[in-house]
Amino acid sequence: QVQLVESGGGLVQPGGSLRLSCATSGFILDNYVIGWFRQAPGKEREGVSCIRSSDGSTNYADSVKGRFTISRDNAKNTVYLQMNSLKPEDTGIYYCARSPFSPAMATMQNDLFGSWGQGTQVIVSS
C-alpha cells in the first residue's frame, strides 16, 4: 500500500541543521509531486517545499528560501529536506505528502496533497 514515512526530526539549537527524510513506497515516485509541510502549535499546516520527482523541479516557501533544500533519491524512493540556519520559528511537526496534480508545485495547497505521513517533530530552541 501507499506509504510515506518521515524521519530525522529532533531538537536543535538556533543556527543548527537537520536533514529530514520521507521514505515512500507503494507508488511510482516519478508520477507525483512530493511536498514537505509543517504545523506549528496553534497554527495551520503550511507548505514548506515541494519537488517534482520526474524532473527535479522545486519550490520553496519564502520563509525558508536560501536555508532549506529539497532533493530526491529515486533509487531509494526517498525525498529529503536539508534544513540549515534553523530558527525558532521553524519549530513544528513536519509532514510529507504526495500530489498527482501539477498546480500543487506552485501553490503547495494542503488540499491538493494526500497520503500524509505521521510527521516528525522539529524543535529549534536554545
PDB file of N, CA and C in Angstrom:
ATOM      1  N   GLN A   1       0.832  -1.184   0.000  1.00  0.00           N
ATOM      2  CA  GLN A   1       0.000   0.000   0.000  1.00  0.00           C
ATOM      3  C   GLN A   1       0.880   1.253   0.000  1.00  0.00           C
ATOM      4  N   VAL A   2       0.248   2.378  -0.273  1.00  0.00           N
ATOM      5  CA  VAL A   2       0.970   3.643  -0.326  1.00  0.00           C
ATOM      6  C   VAL A   2       1.390   4.052   1.077  1.00  0.00           C
ATOM      7  N   GLN A   3       2.690   4.380   1.207  1.00  0.00           N
ATOM      8  CA  GLN A   3       3.193   4.855   2.490  1.00  0.00           C
ATOM      9  C   GLN A   3       4.205   5.958   2.286  1.00  0.00           C
ATOM     10  N   LEU A   4       4.134   6.960   3.145  1.00  0.00           N
ATOM     11  CA  LEU A   4       5.150   7.990   3.238  1.00  0.00           C
ATOM     12  C   LEU A   4       5.529   8.076   4.714  1.00  0.00           C
ATOM     13  N   VAL A   5       6.803   7.903   5.020  1.00  0.00           N
ATOM     14  CA  VAL A   5       7.255   7.835   6.401  1.00  0.00           C
ATOM     15  C   VAL A   5       8.373   8.849   6.616  1.00  0.00           C
ATOM     16  N   GLU A   6       8.094   9.805   7.506  1.00  0.00           N
ATOM     17  CA  GLU A   6       9.080  10.841   7.802  1.00  0.00           C
ATOM     18  C   GLU A   6      10.008  10.416   8.932  1.00  0.00           C
ATOM     19  N   SER A   7      11.232  10.923   8.891  1.00  0.00           N
ATOM     20  CA  SER A   7      12.184  10.696   9.981  1.00  0.00           C
ATOM     21  C   SER A   7      13.215  11.815   9.959  1.00  0.00           C
ATOM     22  N   GLY A   8      13.989  11.899  11.036  1.00  0.00           N
ATOM     23  CA  GLY A   8      15.093  12.847  11.071  1.00  0.00           C
ATOM     24  C   GLY A   8      14.882  14.073  11.940  1.00  0.00           C
ATOM     25  N   GLY A   9      13.698  14.186  12.511  1.00  0.00           N
ATOM     26  CA  GLY A   9      13.451  15.337  13.370  1.00  0.00           C
ATOM     27  C   GLY A   9      14.226  15.257  14.670  1.00  0.00           C
ATOM     28  N   GLY A  10      14.160  16.332  15.439  1.00  0.00           N
ATOM     29  CA  GLY A  10      14.843  16.341  16.720  1.00  0.00           C
ATOM     30  C   GLY A  10      14.928  17.738  17.277  1.00  0.00           C
ATOM     31  N   LEU A  11      15.722  17.861  18.329  1.00  0.00           N
ATOM     32  CA  LEU A  11      15.959  19.142  18.991  1.00  0.00           C
ATOM     33  C   LEU A  11      17.290  19.690  18.504  1.00  0.00           C
ATOM     34  N   VAL A  12      17.274  20.934  18.083  1.00  0.00           N
ATOM     35  CA  VAL A  12      18.487  21.559  17.561  1.00  0.00           C
ATOM     36  C   VAL A  12      18.531  23.009  18.010  1.00  0.00           C
ATOM     37  N   GLN A  13      19.723  23.522  18.184  1.00  0.00           N
ATOM     38  CA  GLN A  13      19.867  24.916  18.584  1.00  0.00           C
ATOM     39  C   GLN A  13      19.680  25.843  17.383  1.00  0.00           C
ATOM     40  N   PRO A  14      19.262  27.069  17.632  1.00  0.00           N
ATOM     41  CA  PRO A  14      19.177  28.047  16.523  1.00  0.00           C
ATOM     42  C   PRO A  14      20.503  28.123  15.777  1.00  0.00           C
ATOM     43  N   GLY A  15      20.398  28.169  14.454  1.00  0.00           N
ATOM     44  CA  GLY A  15      21.582  28.170  13.610  1.00  0.00           C
ATOM     45  C   GLY A  15      22.047  26.798  13.199  1.00  0.00           C
ATOM     46  N   GLY A  16      21.475  25.771  13.796  1.00  0.00           N
ATOM     47  CA  GLY A  16      21.857  24.405  13.501  1.00  0.00           C
ATOM     48  C   GLY A  16      21.181  23.853  12.261  1.00  0.00           C
ATOM     49  N   SER A  17      21.436  22.571  12.003  1.00  0.00           N
ATOM     50  CA  SER A  17      20.925  21.907  10.804  1.00  0.00           C
ATOM     51  C   SER A  17      20.295  20.569  11.150  1.00  0.00           C
ATOM     52  N   LEU A  18      19.362  20.168  10.319  1.00  0.00           N
ATOM     53  CA  LEU A  18      18.760  18.839  10.372  1.00  0.00           C
ATOM     54  C   LEU A  18      18.468  18.412   8.948  1.00  0.00           C
ATOM     55  N   ARG A  19      18.466  17.101   8.723  1.00  0.00           N
ATOM     56  CA  ARG A  19      18.016  16.573   7.439  1.00  0.00           C
ATOM     57  C   ARG A  19      16.863  15.620   7.680  1.00  0.00           C
ATOM     58  N   LEU A  20      15.717  15.972   7.104  1.00  0.00           N
ATOM     59  CA  LEU A  20      14.545  15.124   7.202  1.00  0.00           C
ATOM     60  C   LEU A  20      14.481  14.195   5.995  1.00  0.00           C
ATOM     61  N   SER A  21      13.958  13.011   6.227  1.00  0.00           N
ATOM     62  CA  SER A  21      13.772  12.042   5.152  1.00  0.00           C
ATOM     63  C   SER A  21      12.299  11.671   5.050  1.00  0.00           C
ATOM     64  N   CYS A  22      11.858  11.462   3.828  1.00  0.00           N
ATOM     65  CA  CYS A  22      10.498  10.973   3.555  1.00  0.00           C
ATOM     66  C   CYS A  22      10.650   9.725   2.700  1.00  0.00           C
ATOM     67  N   ALA A  23      10.548   8.571   3.331  1.00  0.00           N
ATOM     68  CA  ALA A  23      10.677   7.300   2.623  1.00  0.00           C
ATOM     69  C   ALA A  23       9.320   6.913   2.054  1.00  0.00           C
ATOM     70  N   THR A  24       9.273   6.678   0.759  1.00  0.00           N
ATOM     71  CA  THR A  24       7.995   6.382   0.103  1.00  0.00           C
ATOM     72  C   THR A  24       7.971   4.944  -0.398  1.00  0.00           C
ATOM     73  N   SER A  25       6.780   4.403  -0.501  1.00  0.00           N
ATOM     74  CA  SER A  25       6.612   3.062  -1.049  1.00  0.00           C
ATOM     75  C   SER A  25       5.191   2.896  -1.558  1.00  0.00           C
ATOM     76  N   GLY A  26       5.009   1.928  -2.443  1.00  0.00           N
ATOM     77  CA  GLY A  26       3.675   1.601  -2.929  1.00  0.00           C
ATOM     78  C   GLY A  26       3.210   2.411  -4.121  1.00  0.00           C
ATOM     79  N   PHE A  27       4.063   3.298  -4.655  1.00  0.00           N
ATOM     80  CA  PHE A  27       3.682   4.056  -5.846  1.00  0.00           C
ATOM     81  C   PHE A  27       4.940   4.486  -6.582  1.00  0.00           C
ATOM     82  N   ILE A  28       4.739   4.959  -7.813  1.00  0.00           N
ATOM     83  CA  ILE A  28       5.862   5.391  -8.646  1.00  0.00           C
ATOM     84  C   ILE A  28       6.147   6.857  -8.354  1.00  0.00           C
ATOM     85  N   LEU A  29       7.299   7.101  -7.765  1.00  0.00           N
ATOM     86  CA  LEU A  29       7.637   8.446  -7.304  1.00  0.00           C
ATOM     87  C   LEU A  29       7.618   9.465  -8.441  1.00  0.00           C
ATOM     88  N   ASP A  30       8.031   9.070  -9.631  1.00  0.00           N
ATOM     89  CA  ASP A  30       8.117   9.984 -10.767  1.00  0.00           C
ATOM     90  C   ASP A  30       6.768  10.578 -11.148  1.00  0.00           C
ATOM     91  N   ASN A  31       5.694   9.947 -10.756  1.00  0.00           N
ATOM     92  CA  ASN A  31       4.368  10.396 -11.161  1.00  0.00           C
ATOM     93  C   ASN A  31       3.764  11.434 -10.228  1.00  0.00           C
ATOM     94  N   TYR A  32       4.523  11.840  -9.211  1.00  0.00           N
ATOM     95  CA  TYR A  32       3.946  12.689  -8.181  1.00  0.00           C
ATOM     96  C   TYR A  32       4.846  13.870  -7.817  1.00  0.00           C
ATOM     97  N   VAL A  33       4.198  14.904  -7.319  1.00  0.00           N
ATOM     98  CA  VAL A  33       4.868  15.977  -6.595  1.00  0.00           C
ATOM     99  C   VAL A  33       4.892  15.557  -5.126  1.00  0.00           C
ATOM    100  N   ILE A  34       6.060  15.666  -4.512  1.00  0.00           N
ATOM    101  CA  ILE A  34       6.182  15.372  -3.086  1.00  0.00           C
ATOM    102  C   ILE A  34       6.407  16.684  -2.350  1.00  0.00           C
ATOM    103  N   GLY A  35       5.617  16.910  -1.341  1.00  0.00           N
ATOM    104  CA  GLY A  35       5.713  18.154  -0.595  1.00  0.00           C
ATOM    105  C   GLY A  35       6.086  17.938   0.863  1.00  0.00           C
ATOM    106  N   TRP A  36       6.787  18.901   1.403  1.00  0.00           N
ATOM    107  CA  TRP A  36       7.046  18.966   2.835  1.00  0.00           C
ATOM    108  C   TRP A  36       6.189  20.093   3.417  1.00  0.00           C
ATOM    109  N   PHE A  37       5.536  19.803   4.514  1.00  0.00           N
ATOM    110  CA  PHE A  37       4.685  20.758   5.189  1.00  0.00           C
ATOM    111  C   PHE A  37       5.070  20.795   6.662  1.00  0.00           C
ATOM    112  N   ARG A  38       4.661  21.837   7.348  1.00  0.00           N
ATOM    113  CA  ARG A  38       4.895  21.873   8.791  1.00  0.00           C
ATOM    114  C   ARG A  38       3.703  22.514   9.482  1.00  0.00           C
ATOM    115  N   GLN A  39       3.541  22.103  10.732  1.00  0.00           N
ATOM    116  CA  GLN A  39       2.468  22.673  11.546  1.00  0.00           C
ATOM    117  C   GLN A  39       3.035  23.032  12.904  1.00  0.00           C
ATOM    118  N   ALA A  40       3.019  24.325  13.195  1.00  0.00           N
ATOM    119  CA  ALA A  40       3.464  24.806  14.492  1.00  0.00           C
ATOM    120  C   ALA A  40       2.287  24.775  15.461  1.00  0.00           C
ATOM    121  N   PRO A  41       2.550  24.712  16.756  1.00  0.00           N
ATOM    122  CA  PRO A  41       1.458  24.674  17.734  1.00  0.00           C
ATOM    123  C   PRO A  41       0.524  25.862  17.555  1.00  0.00           C
ATOM    124  N   GLY A  42      -0.756  25.574  17.447  1.00  0.00           N
ATOM    125  CA  GLY A  42      -1.752  26.623  17.335  1.00  0.00           C
ATOM    126  C   GLY A  42      -1.869  27.256  15.960  1.00  0.00           C
ATOM    127  N   LYS A  43      -1.147  26.720  14.994  1.00  0.00           N
ATOM    128  CA  LYS A  43      -1.174  27.297  13.648  1.00  0.00           C
ATOM    129  C   LYS A  43      -1.627  26.255  12.630  1.00  0.00           C
ATOM    130  N   GLU A  44      -2.028  26.739  11.479  1.00  0.00           N
ATOM    131  CA  GLU A  44      -2.423  25.836  10.411  1.00  0.00           C
ATOM    132  C   GLU A  44      -1.171  25.232   9.752  1.00  0.00           C
ATOM    133  N   ARG A  45      -1.386  24.089   9.149  1.00  0.00           N
ATOM    134  CA  ARG A  45      -0.307  23.452   8.412  1.00  0.00           C
ATOM    135  C   ARG A  45       0.022  24.268   7.169  1.00  0.00           C
ATOM    136  N   GLU A  46       1.310  24.455   6.908  1.00  0.00           N
ATOM    137  CA  GLU A  46       1.731  25.272   5.774  1.00  0.00           C
ATOM    138  C   GLU A  46       2.746  24.515   4.916  1.00  0.00           C
ATOM    139  N   GLY A  47       2.724  24.839   3.629  1.00  0.00           N
ATOM    140  CA  GLY A  47       3.683  24.231   2.724  1.00  0.00           C
ATOM    141  C   GLY A  47       5.057  24.835   2.908  1.00  0.00           C
ATOM    142  N   VAL A  48       6.070  23.986   2.924  1.00  0.00           N
ATOM    143  CA  VAL A  48       7.453  24.416   3.106  1.00  0.00           C
ATOM    144  C   VAL A  48       8.216  24.307   1.789  1.00  0.00           C
ATOM    145  N   SER A  49       8.105  23.165   1.146  1.00  0.00           N
ATOM    146  CA  SER A  49       8.845  22.934  -0.090  1.00  0.00           C
ATOM    147  C   SER A  49       8.241  21.748  -0.811  1.00  0.00           C
ATOM    148  N   CYS A  50       8.449  21.687  -2.122  1.00  0.00           N
ATOM    149  CA  CYS A  50       7.989  20.523  -2.861  1.00  0.00           C
ATOM    150  C   CYS A  50       8.912  20.272  -4.039  1.00  0.00           C
ATOM    151  N   ILE A  51       8.826  19.060  -4.554  1.00  0.00           N
ATOM    152  CA  ILE A  51       9.683  18.642  -5.652  1.00  0.00           C
ATOM    153  C   ILE A  51       8.898  17.758  -6.604  1.00  0.00           C
ATOM    154  N   ARG A  52       9.113  17.979  -7.892  1.00  0.00           N
ATOM    155  CA  ARG A  52       8.540  17.088  -8.898  1.00  0.00           C
ATOM    156  C   ARG A  52       9.598  16.046  -9.202  1.00  0.00           C
ATOM    157  N   SER A  53       9.353  14.848  -8.797  1.00  0.00           N
ATOM    158  CA  SER A  53      10.380  13.813  -8.868  1.00  0.00           C
ATOM    159  C   SER A  53      10.840  13.526 -10.285  1.00  0.00           C
ATOM    160  N   SER A  54       9.961  13.709 -11.267  1.00  0.00           N
ATOM    161  CA  SER A  54      10.306  13.343 -12.638  1.00  0.00           C
ATOM    162  C   SER A  54      11.410  14.210 -13.219  1.00  0.00           C
ATOM    163  N   ASP A  55      11.414  15.503 -12.859  1.00  0.00           N
ATOM    164  CA  ASP A  55      12.423  16.388 -13.443  1.00  0.00           C
ATOM    165  C   ASP A  55      13.219  17.174 -12.412  1.00  0.00           C
ATOM    166  N   GLY A  56      12.913  16.978 -11.136  1.00  0.00           N
ATOM    167  CA  GLY A  56      13.664  17.655 -10.090  1.00  0.00           C
ATOM    168  C   GLY A  56      13.286  19.096  -9.847  1.00  0.00           C
ATOM    169  N   SER A  57      12.218  19.577 -10.481  1.00  0.00           N
ATOM    170  CA  SER A  57      11.756  20.950 -10.235  1.00  0.00           C
ATOM    171  C   SER A  57      11.408  21.109  -8.767  1.00  0.00           C
ATOM    172  N   THR A  58      11.722  22.286  -8.234  1.00  0.00           N
ATOM    173  CA  THR A  58      11.479  22.526  -6.810  1.00  0.00           C
ATOM    174  C   THR A  58      10.776  23.865  -6.586  1.00  0.00           C
ATOM    175  N   ASN A  59      10.183  23.983  -5.414  1.00  0.00           N
ATOM    176  CA  ASN A  59       9.566  25.233  -4.993  1.00  0.00           C
ATOM    177  C   ASN A  59       9.736  25.350  -3.485  1.00  0.00           C
ATOM    178  N   TYR A  60       9.843  26.587  -3.003  1.00  0.00           N
ATOM    179  CA  TYR A  60      10.053  26.824  -1.588  1.00  0.00           C
ATOM    180  C   TYR A  60       9.162  27.950  -1.095  1.00  0.00           C
ATOM    181  N   ALA A  61       8.726  27.853   0.135  1.00  0.00           N
ATOM    182  CA  ALA A  61       8.073  28.971   0.785  1.00  0.00           C
ATOM    183  C   ALA A  61       9.112  30.082   1.003  1.00  0.00           C
ATOM    184  N   ASP A  62       8.652  31.318   0.950  1.00  0.00           N
ATOM    185  CA  ASP A  62       9.579  32.445   1.099  1.00  0.00           C
ATOM    186  C   ASP A  62      10.346  32.375   2.419  1.00  0.00           C
ATOM    187  N   SER A  63       9.698  31.857   3.439  1.00  0.00           N
ATOM    188  CA  SER A  63      10.299  31.833   4.766  1.00  0.00           C
ATOM    189  C   SER A  63      11.500  30.894   4.878  1.00  0.00           C
ATOM    190  N   VAL A  64      11.659  29.984   3.923  1.00  0.00           N
ATOM    191  CA  VAL A  64      12.758  29.017   4.015  1.00  0.00           C
ATOM    192  C   VAL A  64      13.732  29.100   2.847  1.00  0.00           C
ATOM    193  N   LYS A  65      13.439  29.959   1.883  1.00  0.00           N
ATOM    194  CA  LYS A  65      14.331  30.071   0.716  1.00  0.00           C
ATOM    195  C   LYS A  65      15.747  30.454   1.154  1.00  0.00           C
ATOM    196  N   GLY A  66      16.706  29.766   0.578  1.00  0.00           N
ATOM    197  CA  GLY A  66      18.104  30.029   0.907  1.00  0.00           C
ATOM    198  C   GLY A  66      18.598  29.268   2.118  1.00  0.00           C
ATOM    199  N   ARG A  67      17.680  28.647   2.869  1.00  0.00           N
ATOM    200  CA  ARG A  67      18.067  27.894   4.064  1.00  0.00           C
ATOM    201  C   ARG A  67      17.756  26.404   3.926  1.00  0.00           C
ATOM    202  N   PHE A  68      16.669  26.074   3.260  1.00  0.00           N
ATOM    203  CA  PHE A  68      16.235  24.687   3.099  1.00  0.00           C
ATOM    204  C   PHE A  68      16.478  24.238   1.669  1.00  0.00           C
ATOM    205  N   THR A  69      16.806  22.969   1.513  1.00  0.00           N
ATOM    206  CA  THR A  69      16.986  22.381   0.195  1.00  0.00           C
ATOM    207  C   THR A  69      16.262  21.043   0.135  1.00  0.00           C
ATOM    208  N   ILE A  70      15.398  20.904  -0.854  1.00  0.00           N
ATOM    209  CA  ILE A  70      14.689  19.638  -1.050  1.00  0.00           C
ATOM    210  C   ILE A  70      15.393  18.861  -2.156  1.00  0.00           C
ATOM    211  N   SER A  71      15.453  17.560  -1.997  1.00  0.00           N
ATOM    212  CA  SER A  71      16.095  16.716  -3.011  1.00  0.00           C
ATOM    213  C   SER A  71      15.453  15.342  -2.985  1.00  0.00           C
ATOM    214  N   ARG A  72      15.763  14.558  -3.993  1.00  0.00           N
ATOM    215  CA  ARG A  72      15.212  13.207  -4.002  1.00  0.00           C
ATOM    216  C   ARG A  72      16.256  12.219  -4.488  1.00  0.00           C
ATOM    217  N   ASP A  73      16.122  11.001  -4.015  1.00  0.00           N
ATOM    218  CA  ASP A  73      16.933   9.879  -4.468  1.00  0.00           C
ATOM    219  C   ASP A  73      15.958   8.849  -4.998  1.00  0.00           C
ATOM    220  N   ASN A  74      15.770   8.855  -6.309  1.00  0.00           N
ATOM    221  CA  ASN A  74      14.758   7.979  -6.890  1.00  0.00           C
ATOM    222  C   ASN A  74      15.090   6.501  -6.691  1.00  0.00           C
ATOM    223  N   ALA A  75      16.384   6.192  -6.605  1.00  0.00           N
ATOM    224  CA  ALA A  75      16.771   4.794  -6.398  1.00  0.00           C
ATOM    225  C   ALA A  75      16.323   4.304  -5.021  1.00  0.00           C
ATOM    226  N   LYS A  76      16.274   5.223  -4.066  1.00  0.00           N
ATOM    227  CA  LYS A  76      15.850   4.872  -2.705  1.00  0.00           C
ATOM    228  C   LYS A  76      14.404   5.259  -2.440  1.00  0.00           C
ATOM    229  N   ASN A  77      13.738   5.833  -3.438  1.00  0.00           N
ATOM    230  CA  ASN A  77      12.349   6.287  -3.274  1.00  0.00           C
ATOM    231  C   ASN A  77      12.205   7.190  -2.051  1.00  0.00           C
ATOM    232  N   THR A  78      13.152   8.066  -1.881  1.00  0.00           N
ATOM    233  CA  THR A  78      13.190   8.924  -0.704  1.00  0.00           C
ATOM    234  C   THR A  78      13.383  10.378  -1.108  1.00  0.00           C
ATOM    235  N   VAL A  79      12.667  11.247  -0.424  1.00  0.00           N
ATOM    236  CA  VAL A  79      12.795  12.689  -0.604  1.00  0.00           C
ATOM    237  C   VAL A  79      13.353  13.274   0.696  1.00  0.00           C
ATOM    238  N   TYR A  80      14.298  14.177   0.559  1.00  0.00           N
ATOM    239  CA  TYR A  80      14.974  14.760   1.707  1.00  0.00           C
ATOM    240  C   TYR A  80      14.663  16.248   1.822  1.00  0.00           C
ATOM    241  N   LEU A  81      14.751  16.749   3.027  1.00  0.00           N
ATOM    242  CA  LEU A  81      14.677  18.184   3.270  1.00  0.00           C
ATOM    243  C   LEU A  81      15.857  18.548   4.161  1.00  0.00           C
ATOM    244  N   GLN A  82      16.862  19.173   3.556  1.00  0.00           N
ATOM    245  CA  GLN A  82      18.015  19.655   4.314  1.00  0.00           C
ATOM    246  C   GLN A  82      17.677  21.037   4.844  1.00  0.00           C
ATOM    247  N   MET A  83      17.745  21.171   6.156  1.00  0.00           N
ATOM    248  CA  MET A  83      17.370  22.421   6.803  1.00  0.00           C
ATOM    249  C   MET A  83      18.589  22.998   7.507  1.00  0.00           C
ATOM    250  N   ASN A  84      19.028  24.157   7.028  1.00  0.00           N
ATOM    251  CA  ASN A  84      20.180  24.846   7.612  1.00  0.00           C
ATOM    252  C   ASN A  84      19.748  26.174   8.219  1.00  0.00           C
ATOM    253  N   SER A  85      20.625  26.733   9.039  1.00  0.00           N
ATOM    254  CA  SER A  85      20.359  28.036   9.675  1.00  0.00           C
ATOM    255  C   SER A  85      18.982  28.050  10.319  1.00  0.00           C
ATOM    256  N   LEU A  86      18.683  27.026  11.068  1.00  0.00           N
ATOM    257  CA  LEU A  86      17.352  26.881  11.649  1.00  0.00           C
ATOM    258  C   LEU A  86      17.061  27.980  12.658  1.00  0.00           C
ATOM    259  N   LYS A  87      15.793  28.377  12.684  1.00  0.00           N
ATOM    260  CA  LYS A  87      15.308  29.432  13.563  1.00  0.00           C
ATOM    261  C   LYS A  87      14.227  28.856  14.470  1.00  0.00           C
ATOM    262  N   PRO A  88      13.990  29.491  15.614  1.00  0.00           N
ATOM    263  CA  PRO A  88      12.921  29.006  16.492  1.00  0.00           C
ATOM    264  C   PRO A  88      11.571  28.911  15.782  1.00  0.00           C
ATOM    265  N   GLU A  89      11.323  29.802  14.838  1.00  0.00           N
ATOM    266  CA  GLU A  89      10.044  29.773  14.121  1.00  0.00           C
ATOM    267  C   GLU A  89       9.925  28.603  13.148  1.00  0.00           C
ATOM    268  N   ASP A  90      10.997  27.839  12.972  1.00  0.00           N
ATOM    269  CA  ASP A  90      10.919  26.614  12.164  1.00  0.00           C
ATOM    270  C   ASP A  90      10.384  25.436  12.976  1.00  0.00           C
ATOM    271  N   THR A  91      10.184  25.647  14.249  1.00  0.00           N
ATOM    272  CA  THR A  91       9.670  24.584  15.119  1.00  0.00           C
ATOM    273  C   THR A  91       8.292  24.135  14.670  1.00  0.00           C
ATOM    274  N   GLY A  92       8.076  22.821  14.674  1.00  0.00           N
ATOM    275  CA  GLY A  92       6.778  22.277  14.328  1.00  0.00           C
ATOM    276  C   GLY A  92       6.877  20.801  13.982  1.00  0.00           C
ATOM    277  N   ILE A  93       5.743  20.242  13.645  1.00  0.00           N
ATOM    278  CA  ILE A  93       5.725  18.873  13.147  1.00  0.00           C
ATOM    279  C   ILE A  93       5.808  18.950  11.628  1.00  0.00           C
ATOM    280  N   TYR A  94       6.742  18.218  11.060  1.00  0.00           N
ATOM    281  CA  TYR A  94       6.973  18.227   9.619  1.00  0.00           C
ATOM    282  C   TYR A  94       6.392  16.971   8.996  1.00  0.00           C
ATOM    283  N   TYR A  95       5.613  17.180   7.953  1.00  0.00           N
ATOM    284  CA  TYR A  95       4.945  16.097   7.255  1.00  0.00           C
ATOM    285  C   TYR A  95       5.357  16.083   5.790  1.00  0.00           C
ATOM    286  N   CYS A  96       5.352  14.903   5.190  1.00  0.00           N
ATOM    287  CA  CYS A  96       5.456  14.834   3.741  1.00  0.00           C
ATOM    288  C   CYS A  96       4.168  14.221   3.197  1.00  0.00           C
ATOM    289  N   ALA A  97       3.883  14.558   1.957  1.00  0.00           N
ATOM    290  CA  ALA A  97       2.659  14.104   1.310  1.00  0.00           C
ATOM    291  C   ALA A  97       2.887  14.107  -0.197  1.00  0.00           C
ATOM    292  N   ARG A  98       1.966  13.517  -0.937  1.00  0.00           N
ATOM    293  CA  ARG A  98       2.135  13.445  -2.390  1.00  0.00           C
ATOM    294  C   ARG A  98       0.935  14.050  -3.089  1.00  0.00           C
ATOM    295  N   SER A  99       1.171  14.525  -4.300  1.00  0.00           N
ATOM    296  CA  SER A  99       0.088  15.058  -5.116  1.00  0.00           C
ATOM    297  C   SER A  99       0.289  14.663  -6.564  1.00  0.00           C
ATOM    298  N   PRO A 100      -0.785  14.242  -7.216  1.00  0.00           N
ATOM    299  CA  PRO A 100      -0.689  13.933  -8.650  1.00  0.00           C
ATOM    300  C   PRO A 100      -0.933  15.162  -9.532  1.00  0.00           C
ATOM    301  N   PHE A 101      -1.184  16.305  -8.908  1.00  0.00           N
ATOM    302  CA  PHE A 101      -1.620  17.489  -9.638  1.00  0.00           C
ATOM    303  C   PHE A 101      -0.481  18.475  -9.858  1.00  0.00           C
ATOM    304  N   SER A 102      -0.250  18.873 -11.096  1.00  0.00           N
ATOM    305  CA  SER A 102       0.814  19.827 -11.409  1.00  0.00           C
ATOM    306  C   SER A 102       0.690  21.151 -10.679  1.00  0.00           C
ATOM    307  N   PRO A 103      -0.527  21.716 -10.513  1.00  0.00           N
ATOM    308  CA  PRO A 103      -0.640  23.004  -9.802  1.00  0.00           C
ATOM    309  C   PRO A 103      -0.132  22.939  -8.362  1.00  0.00           C
ATOM    310  N   ALA A 104      -0.018  21.728  -7.832  1.00  0.00           N
ATOM    311  CA  ALA A 104       0.465  21.600  -6.461  1.00  0.00           C
ATOM    312  C   ALA A 104       1.884  22.129  -6.317  1.00  0.00           C
ATOM    313  N   MET A 105       2.663  22.087  -7.379  1.00  0.00           N
ATOM    314  CA  MET A 105       4.038  22.590  -7.325  1.00  0.00           C
ATOM    315  C   MET A 105       4.075  24.063  -6.983  1.00  0.00           C
ATOM    316  N   ALA A 106       3.209  24.840  -7.593  1.00  0.00           N
ATOM    317  CA  ALA A 106       3.228  26.291  -7.408  1.00  0.00           C
ATOM    318  C   ALA A 106       2.503  26.726  -6.142  1.00  0.00           C
ATOM    319  N   THR A 107       1.425  26.034  -5.823  1.00  0.00           N
ATOM    320  CA  THR A 107       0.571  26.503  -4.741  1.00  0.00           C
ATOM    321  C   THR A 107       0.887  25.866  -3.396  1.00  0.00           C
ATOM    322  N   MET A 108       1.357  24.629  -3.397  1.00  0.00           N
ATOM    323  CA  MET A 108       1.584  23.849  -2.174  1.00  0.00           C
ATOM    324  C   MET A 108       0.347  23.896  -1.273  1.00  0.00           C
ATOM    325  N   GLN A 109      -0.810  23.834  -1.870  1.00  0.00           N
ATOM    326  CA  GLN A 109      -2.065  23.830  -1.101  1.00  0.00           C
ATOM    327  C   GLN A 109      -2.235  22.476  -0.426  1.00  0.00           C
ATOM    328  N   ASN A 110      -2.588  22.508   0.841  1.00  0.00           N
ATOM    329  CA  ASN A 110      -2.791  21.280   1.595  1.00  0.00           C
ATOM    330  C   ASN A 110      -3.767  20.319   0.909  1.00  0.00           C
ATOM    331  N   ASP A 111      -4.868  20.893   0.394  1.00  0.00           N
ATOM    332  CA  ASP A 111      -5.923  20.013  -0.110  1.00  0.00           C
ATOM    333  C   ASP A 111      -5.616  19.398  -1.462  1.00  0.00           C
ATOM    334  N   LEU A 112      -4.483  19.738  -2.048  1.00  0.00           N
ATOM    335  CA  LEU A 112      -4.062  19.078  -3.286  1.00  0.00           C
ATOM    336  C   LEU A 112      -3.161  17.878  -2.996  1.00  0.00           C
ATOM    337  N   PHE A 113      -2.825  17.696  -1.733  1.00  0.00           N
ATOM    338  CA  PHE A 113      -1.920  16.621  -1.340  1.00  0.00           C
ATOM    339  C   PHE A 113      -2.666  15.578  -0.518  1.00  0.00           C
ATOM    340  N   GLY A 114      -2.161  14.336  -0.581  1.00  0.00           N
ATOM    341  CA  GLY A 114      -2.761  13.259   0.185  1.00  0.00           C
ATOM    342  C   GLY A 114      -1.712  12.257   0.618  1.00  0.00           C
ATOM    343  N   SER A 115      -2.176  11.178   1.218  1.00  0.00           N
ATOM    344  CA  SER A 115      -1.295  10.109   1.713  1.00  0.00           C
ATOM    345  C   SER A 115      -0.271  10.668   2.679  1.00  0.00           C
ATOM    346  N   TRP A 116      -0.735  11.446   3.624  1.00  0.00           N
ATOM    347  CA  TRP A 116       0.147  12.115   4.575  1.00  0.00           C
ATOM    348  C   TRP A 116       0.872  11.113   5.463  1.00  0.00           C
ATOM    349  N   GLY A 117       2.136  11.424   5.746  1.00  0.00           N
ATOM    350  CA  GLY A 117       2.867  10.632   6.720  1.00  0.00           C
ATOM    351  C   GLY A 117       2.440  10.998   8.133  1.00  0.00           C
ATOM    352  N   GLN A 118       3.081  10.377   9.109  1.00  0.00           N
ATOM    353  CA  GLN A 118       2.705  10.599  10.509  1.00  0.00           C
ATOM    354  C   GLN A 118       3.386  11.820  11.104  1.00  0.00           C
ATOM    355  N   GLY A 119       4.388  12.330  10.428  1.00  0.00           N
ATOM    356  CA  GLY A 119       5.069  13.533  10.880  1.00  0.00           C
ATOM    357  C   GLY A 119       6.303  13.245  11.717  1.00  0.00           C
ATOM    358  N   THR A 120       7.205  14.220  11.749  1.00  0.00           N
ATOM    359  CA  THR A 120       8.394  14.139  12.595  1.00  0.00           C
ATOM    360  C   THR A 120       8.583  15.506  13.242  1.00  0.00           C
ATOM    361  N   GLN A 121       8.844  15.498  14.530  1.00  0.00           N
ATOM    362  CA  GLN A 121       8.897  16.730  15.321  1.00  0.00           C
ATOM    363  C   GLN A 121      10.258  17.407  15.169  1.00  0.00           C
ATOM    364  N   VAL A 122      10.217  18.707  14.916  1.00  0.00           N
ATOM    365  CA  VAL A 122      11.425  19.534  14.884  1.00  0.00           C
ATOM    366  C   VAL A 122      11.260  20.640  15.931  1.00  0.00           C
ATOM    367  N   ILE A 123      12.226  20.726  16.821  1.00  0.00           N
ATOM    368  CA  ILE A 123      12.222  21.771  17.840  1.00  0.00           C
ATOM    369  C   ILE A 123      13.531  22.544  17.731  1.00  0.00           C
ATOM    370  N   VAL A 124      13.402  23.831  17.504  1.00  0.00           N
ATOM    371  CA  VAL A 124      14.581  24.696  17.417  1.00  0.00           C
ATOM    372  C   VAL A 124      14.583  25.587  18.645  1.00  0.00           C
ATOM    373  N   SER A 125      15.501  25.321  19.535  1.00  0.00           N
ATOM    374  CA  SER A 125      15.499  26.036  20.808  1.00  0.00           C
ATOM    375  C   SER A 125      16.887  25.971  21.432  1.00  0.00           C
ATOM    376  N   SER A 126      17.219  27.034  22.154  1.00  0.00           N
ATOM    377  CA  SER A 126      18.481  27.042  22.885  1.00  0.00           C
ATOM    378  C   SER A 126      18.275  26.557  24.318  1.00  0.00           C
TER     379      SER A 126
END
